[in-house]
Amino acid sequence: MYDPIPMTREGYNRLKKEIERLEQEEMPTIIERIANARAEGDLKENAEYQGARESQGLLQAKINDLKNRIGRAQIIDSSMISQDEIRFGATIVVKRLNDNKTLTYTLVGAGDEDIDTGKILITCPLAQGFLGKKVGEIAEIQVPAGLKKFEIKEISYNNL
């Protein structure tokens, strides 16, 4: 059995919409490219045909991955979670003790991640290092750049 993937209802709906778009818009376009290339004759030396078939395979792999994530989805309602420690859906303000920089992260599930806005996947090592911590505690997290220490400054659950 595979591990469940926590996500919000919005993230789940976004993934479903993306699957639908890929299946209803992109796949028919690729199938049409294959049909047009097939009509040109010899398939062994037809670069357009080979390229279209490769595109179809890559798109199908992406669709399969998204469907796998949907199948393993565990919809989380952050209002049902203890609000005094860091869990799924938390928006946290931390001070990185290595350089005293203040950072804000929201721990989200598949389909909601966006590093540019501070939304990090709950399963990533950084988020995993914050889980269970409370305001005032120190999280020590090993990242590729070395050990980082963060002081938890704020925890809230109103951004999902």
C-alpha atoms as a PDB file:
ATOM      1  CA  MET A   1       0.000   0.000   0.000  1.00  0.00           C
ATOM      2  CA  TYR A   2       1.237   3.461  -0.856  1.00  0.00           C
ATOM      3  CA  ASP A   3       1.389   6.329   1.609  1.00  0.00           C
ATOM      4  CA  PRO A   4      -1.539   8.753   1.487  1.00  0.00           C
ATOM      5  CA  ILE A   5      -0.843  12.234   0.169  1.00  0.00           C
ATOM      6  CA  PRO A   6      -2.330  14.978   2.353  1.00  0.00           C
ATOM      7  CA  MET A   7      -3.946  17.833   0.450  1.00  0.00           C
ATOM      8  CA  THR A   8      -6.655  20.414   0.757  1.00  0.00           C
ATOM      9  CA  ARG A   9      -9.947  20.134  -1.094  1.00  0.00           C
ATOM     10  CA  GLU A  10      -8.731  22.983  -3.335  1.00  0.00           C
ATOM     11  CA  GLY A  11      -5.498  21.140  -4.172  1.00  0.00           C
ATOM     12  CA  TYR A  12      -7.463  17.980  -4.937  1.00  0.00           C
ATOM     13  CA  ASN A  13      -9.821  19.892  -7.230  1.00  0.00           C
ATOM     14  CA  ARG A  14      -6.879  21.585  -8.958  1.00  0.00           C
ATOM     15  CA  LEU A  15      -5.275  18.208  -9.703  1.00  0.00           C
ATOM     16  CA  LYS A  16      -8.567  16.827 -11.041  1.00  0.00           C
ATOM     17  CA  LYS A  17      -8.974  19.886 -13.272  1.00  0.00           C
ATOM     18  CA  GLU A  18      -5.419  19.469 -14.582  1.00  0.00           C
ATOM     19  CA  ILE A  19      -6.066  15.803 -15.429  1.00  0.00           C
ATOM     20  CA  GLU A  20      -9.224  16.782 -17.268  1.00  0.00           C
ATOM     21  CA  ARG A  21      -7.381  19.504 -19.205  1.00  0.00           C
ATOM     22  CA  LEU A  22      -4.580  17.127 -20.199  1.00  0.00           C
ATOM     23  CA  GLU A  23      -7.015  14.413 -21.300  1.00  0.00           C
ATOM     24  CA  GLN A  24      -9.531  16.678 -23.045  1.00  0.00           C
ATOM     25  CA  GLU A  25      -7.245  19.296 -24.624  1.00  0.00           C
ATOM     26  CA  GLU A  26      -3.635  18.183 -24.906  1.00  0.00           C
ATOM     27  CA  MET A  27      -4.058  14.466 -25.640  1.00  0.00           C
ATOM     28  CA  PRO A  28      -6.447  15.001 -28.612  1.00  0.00           C
ATOM     29  CA  THR A  29      -3.938  17.471 -30.094  1.00  0.00           C
ATOM     30  CA  ILE A  30      -1.146  14.908 -29.862  1.00  0.00           C
ATOM     31  CA  ILE A  31      -3.369  12.168 -31.287  1.00  0.00           C
ATOM     32  CA  GLU A  32      -4.145  14.446 -34.229  1.00  0.00           C
ATOM     33  CA  ARG A  33      -0.399  15.035 -34.747  1.00  0.00           C
ATOM     34  CA  ILE A  34       0.159  11.279 -34.790  1.00  0.00           C
ATOM     35  CA  ALA A  35      -2.645  10.761 -37.322  1.00  0.00           C
ATOM     36  CA  ASN A  36      -1.289  13.528 -39.586  1.00  0.00           C
ATOM     37  CA  ALA A  37       2.245  12.135 -39.392  1.00  0.00           C
ATOM     38  CA  ARG A  38       0.979   8.595 -40.057  1.00  0.00           C
ATOM     39  CA  ALA A  39      -0.711   9.853 -43.223  1.00  0.00           C
ATOM     40  CA  GLU A  40       2.679  10.994 -44.546  1.00  0.00           C
ATOM     41  CA  GLY A  41       3.823   7.414 -45.107  1.00  0.00           C
ATOM     42  CA  ASP A  42       6.889   5.539 -43.860  1.00  0.00           C
ATOM     43  CA  LEU A  43       6.758   5.677 -40.063  1.00  0.00           C
ATOM     44  CA  LYS A  44      10.311   4.422 -39.483  1.00  0.00           C
ATOM     45  CA  GLU A  45      11.873   7.557 -40.925  1.00  0.00           C
ATOM     46  CA  ASN A  46       9.133  10.000 -39.956  1.00  0.00           C
ATOM     47  CA  ALA A  47      10.549  12.338 -37.298  1.00  0.00           C
ATOM     48  CA  GLU A  48       7.185  14.057 -36.749  1.00  0.00           C
ATOM     49  CA  TYR A  49       5.544  10.706 -36.014  1.00  0.00           C
ATOM     50  CA  GLN A  50       8.322   9.665 -33.626  1.00  0.00           C
ATOM     51  CA  GLY A  51       8.190  13.030 -31.849  1.00  0.00           C
ATOM     52  CA  ALA A  52       4.418  12.913 -31.499  1.00  0.00           C
ATOM     53  CA  ARG A  53       4.541   9.363 -30.101  1.00  0.00           C
ATOM     54  CA  GLU A  54       7.179  10.455 -27.590  1.00  0.00           C
ATOM     55  CA  SER A  55       5.030  13.447 -26.589  1.00  0.00           C
ATOM     56  CA  GLN A  56       2.055  11.121 -26.154  1.00  0.00           C
ATOM     57  CA  GLY A  57       4.069   8.840 -23.872  1.00  0.00           C
ATOM     58  CA  LEU A  58       5.295  11.722 -21.737  1.00  0.00           C
ATOM     59  CA  LEU A  59       1.813  13.200 -21.457  1.00  0.00           C
ATOM     60  CA  GLN A  60       0.325   9.833 -20.521  1.00  0.00           C
ATOM     61  CA  ALA A  61       3.000   9.399 -17.828  1.00  0.00           C
ATOM     62  CA  LYS A  62       2.089  12.825 -16.399  1.00  0.00           C
ATOM     63  CA  ILE A  63      -1.620  11.933 -16.429  1.00  0.00           C
ATOM     64  CA  ASN A  64      -0.883   8.614 -14.710  1.00  0.00           C
ATOM     65  CA  ASP A  65       1.185  10.375 -12.022  1.00  0.00           C
ATOM     66  CA  LEU A  66      -1.581  12.891 -11.333  1.00  0.00           C
ATOM     67  CA  LYS A  67      -4.178  10.109 -11.172  1.00  0.00           C
ATOM     68  CA  ASN A  68      -1.950   8.228  -8.735  1.00  0.00           C
ATOM     69  CA  ARG A  69      -1.745  11.322  -6.524  1.00  0.00           C
ATOM     70  CA  ILE A  70      -5.538  11.761  -6.676  1.00  0.00           C
ATOM     71  CA  GLY A  71      -6.005   8.094  -5.789  1.00  0.00           C
ATOM     72  CA  ARG A  72      -3.783   8.470  -2.728  1.00  0.00           C
ATOM     73  CA  ALA A  73      -5.254  11.825  -1.692  1.00  0.00           C
ATOM     74  CA  GLN A  74      -6.154  12.354   1.923  1.00  0.00           C
ATOM     75  CA  ILE A  75      -8.256  15.507   2.172  1.00  0.00           C
ATOM     76  CA  ILE A  76      -7.272  17.441   5.287  1.00  0.00           C
ATOM     77  CA  ASP A  77      -9.536  19.962   6.998  1.00  0.00           C
ATOM     78  CA  SER A  78      -7.153  22.239   8.901  1.00  0.00           C
ATOM     79  CA  SER A  79      -9.960  23.376  11.214  1.00  0.00           C
ATOM     80  CA  MET A  80      -9.896  19.887  12.758  1.00  0.00           C
ATOM     81  CA  ILE A  81      -6.185  20.043  13.625  1.00  0.00           C
ATOM     82  CA  SER A  82      -4.610  21.092  16.929  1.00  0.00           C
ATOM     83  CA  GLN A  83      -3.712  24.755  16.420  1.00  0.00           C
ATOM     84  CA  ASP A  84      -0.869  25.053  18.941  1.00  0.00           C
ATOM     85  CA  GLU A  85       1.713  23.036  17.034  1.00  0.00           C
ATOM     86  CA  ILE A  86       2.860  22.819  13.436  1.00  0.00           C
ATOM     87  CA  ARG A  87       0.785  20.434  11.342  1.00  0.00           C
ATOM     88  CA  PHE A  88      -0.585  20.260   7.825  1.00  0.00           C
ATOM     89  CA  GLY A  89      -2.007  23.615   6.742  1.00  0.00           C
ATOM     90  CA  ALA A  90      -0.002  25.701   9.196  1.00  0.00           C
ATOM     91  CA  THR A  91       1.383  29.039   8.142  1.00  0.00           C
ATOM     92  CA  ILE A  92       4.506  29.582  10.185  1.00  0.00           C
ATOM     93  CA  VAL A  93       6.861  32.471  10.734  1.00  0.00           C
ATOM     94  CA  VAL A  94      10.350  31.308  11.609  1.00  0.00           C
ATOM     95  CA  LYS A  95      13.668  33.005  12.239  1.00  0.00           C
ATOM     96  CA  ARG A  96      16.592  31.210  10.616  1.00  0.00           C
ATOM     97  CA  LEU A  97      19.191  31.401  13.371  1.00  0.00           C
ATOM     98  CA  ASN A  98      22.135  30.943  10.997  1.00  0.00           C
ATOM     99  CA  ASP A  99      21.557  34.442   9.548  1.00  0.00           C
ATOM    100  CA  ASN A 100      18.614  35.869  11.596  1.00  0.00           C
ATOM    101  CA  LYS A 101      16.422  36.003   8.479  1.00  0.00           C
ATOM    102  CA  THR A 102      12.665  35.824   9.081  1.00  0.00           C
ATOM    103  CA  LEU A 103      10.802  33.492   6.715  1.00  0.00           C
ATOM    104  CA  THR A 104       7.147  32.530   6.278  1.00  0.00           C
ATOM    105  CA  TYR A 105       6.039  29.101   5.079  1.00  0.00           C
ATOM    106  CA  THR A 106       2.691  27.397   4.631  1.00  0.00           C
ATOM    107  CA  LEU A 107       2.750  23.592   4.799  1.00  0.00           C
ATOM    108  CA  VAL A 108       0.552  22.334   1.996  1.00  0.00           C
ATOM    109  CA  GLY A 109      -0.274  19.139   0.149  1.00  0.00           C
ATOM    110  CA  ALA A 110       0.116  18.040  -3.439  1.00  0.00           C
ATOM    111  CA  GLY A 111      -1.317  20.497  -5.919  1.00  0.00           C
ATOM    112  CA  ASP A 112      -0.943  23.487  -3.597  1.00  0.00           C
ATOM    113  CA  GLU A 113       2.852  23.857  -3.473  1.00  0.00           C
ATOM    114  CA  ASP A 114       4.378  27.110  -4.744  1.00  0.00           C
ATOM    115  CA  ILE A 115       7.840  27.893  -3.424  1.00  0.00           C
ATOM    116  CA  ASP A 116       7.637  31.467  -4.755  1.00  0.00           C
ATOM    117  CA  THR A 117       4.818  32.229  -2.295  1.00  0.00           C
ATOM    118  CA  GLY A 118       6.273  30.141   0.547  1.00  0.00           C
ATOM    119  CA  LYS A 119       3.896  27.200   0.124  1.00  0.00           C
ATOM    120  CA  ILE A 120       6.016  24.106   0.722  1.00  0.00           C
ATOM    121  CA  LEU A 121       4.990  20.496   0.333  1.00  0.00           C
ATOM    122  CA  ILE A 122       4.252  18.835   3.685  1.00  0.00           C
ATOM    123  CA  THR A 123       6.383  15.856   2.663  1.00  0.00           C
ATOM    124  CA  CYS A 124       9.556  17.858   1.869  1.00  0.00           C
ATOM    125  CA  PRO A 125      12.441  17.638   4.366  1.00  0.00           C
ATOM    126  CA  LEU A 126      12.094  21.292   5.424  1.00  0.00           C
ATOM    127  CA  ALA A 127       8.397  20.907   6.284  1.00  0.00           C
ATOM    128  CA  GLN A 128       9.031  17.566   7.981  1.00  0.00           C
ATOM    129  CA  GLY A 129      11.554  19.264  10.267  1.00  0.00           C
ATOM    130  CA  PHE A 130       8.912  21.761  11.426  1.00  0.00           C
ATOM    131  CA  LEU A 131       6.138  19.243  12.159  1.00  0.00           C
ATOM    132  CA  GLY A 132       5.103  19.016  15.800  1.00  0.00           C
ATOM    133  CA  LYS A 133       7.045  22.100  16.869  1.00  0.00           C
ATOM    134  CA  LYS A 134       5.445  24.870  18.943  1.00  0.00           C
ATOM    135  CA  VAL A 135       6.067  28.608  19.210  1.00  0.00           C
ATOM    136  CA  GLY A 136       9.440  29.255  20.847  1.00  0.00           C
ATOM    137  CA  GLU A 137      10.911  25.863  19.955  1.00  0.00           C
ATOM    138  CA  ILE A 138      13.972  25.371  17.772  1.00  0.00           C
ATOM    139  CA  ALA A 139      13.843  23.147  14.684  1.00  0.00           C
ATOM    140  CA  GLU A 140      17.173  21.761  13.497  1.00  0.00           C
ATOM    141  CA  ILE A 141      16.872  20.657   9.889  1.00  0.00           C
ATOM    142  CA  GLN A 142      19.502  19.065   7.685  1.00  0.00           C
ATOM    143  CA  VAL A 143      19.353  20.554   4.187  1.00  0.00           C
ATOM    144  CA  PRO A 144      21.799  20.160   1.281  1.00  0.00           C
ATOM    145  CA  ALA A 145      23.567  23.372   2.370  1.00  0.00           C
ATOM    146  CA  GLY A 146      24.099  21.949   5.872  1.00  0.00           C
ATOM    147  CA  LEU A 147      22.335  22.033   9.232  1.00  0.00           C
ATOM    148  CA  LYS A 148      19.923  24.959   9.597  1.00  0.00           C
ATOM    149  CA  LYS A 149      18.324  26.070  12.852  1.00  0.00           C
ATOM    150  CA  PHE A 150      14.975  27.828  12.959  1.00  0.00           C
ATOM    151  CA  GLU A 151      13.157  29.406  15.882  1.00  0.00           C
ATOM    152  CA  ILE A 152       9.382  29.080  15.578  1.00  0.00           C
ATOM    153  CA  LYS A 153       7.891  32.583  15.998  1.00  0.00           C
ATOM    154  CA  GLU A 154       4.235  32.199  14.935  1.00  0.00           C
ATOM    155  CA  ILE A 155       1.783  29.475  13.936  1.00  0.00           C
ATOM    156  CA  SER A 156      -1.576  30.147  12.304  1.00  0.00           C
ATOM    157  CA  TYR A 157      -4.125  28.140  10.356  1.00  0.00           C
ATOM    158  CA  ASN A 158      -6.158  30.707   8.469  1.00  0.00           C
ATOM    159  CA  ASN A 159      -4.506  30.687   5.020  1.00  0.00           C
ATOM    160  CA  LEU A 160      -5.932  27.492   3.507  1.00  0.00           C
END
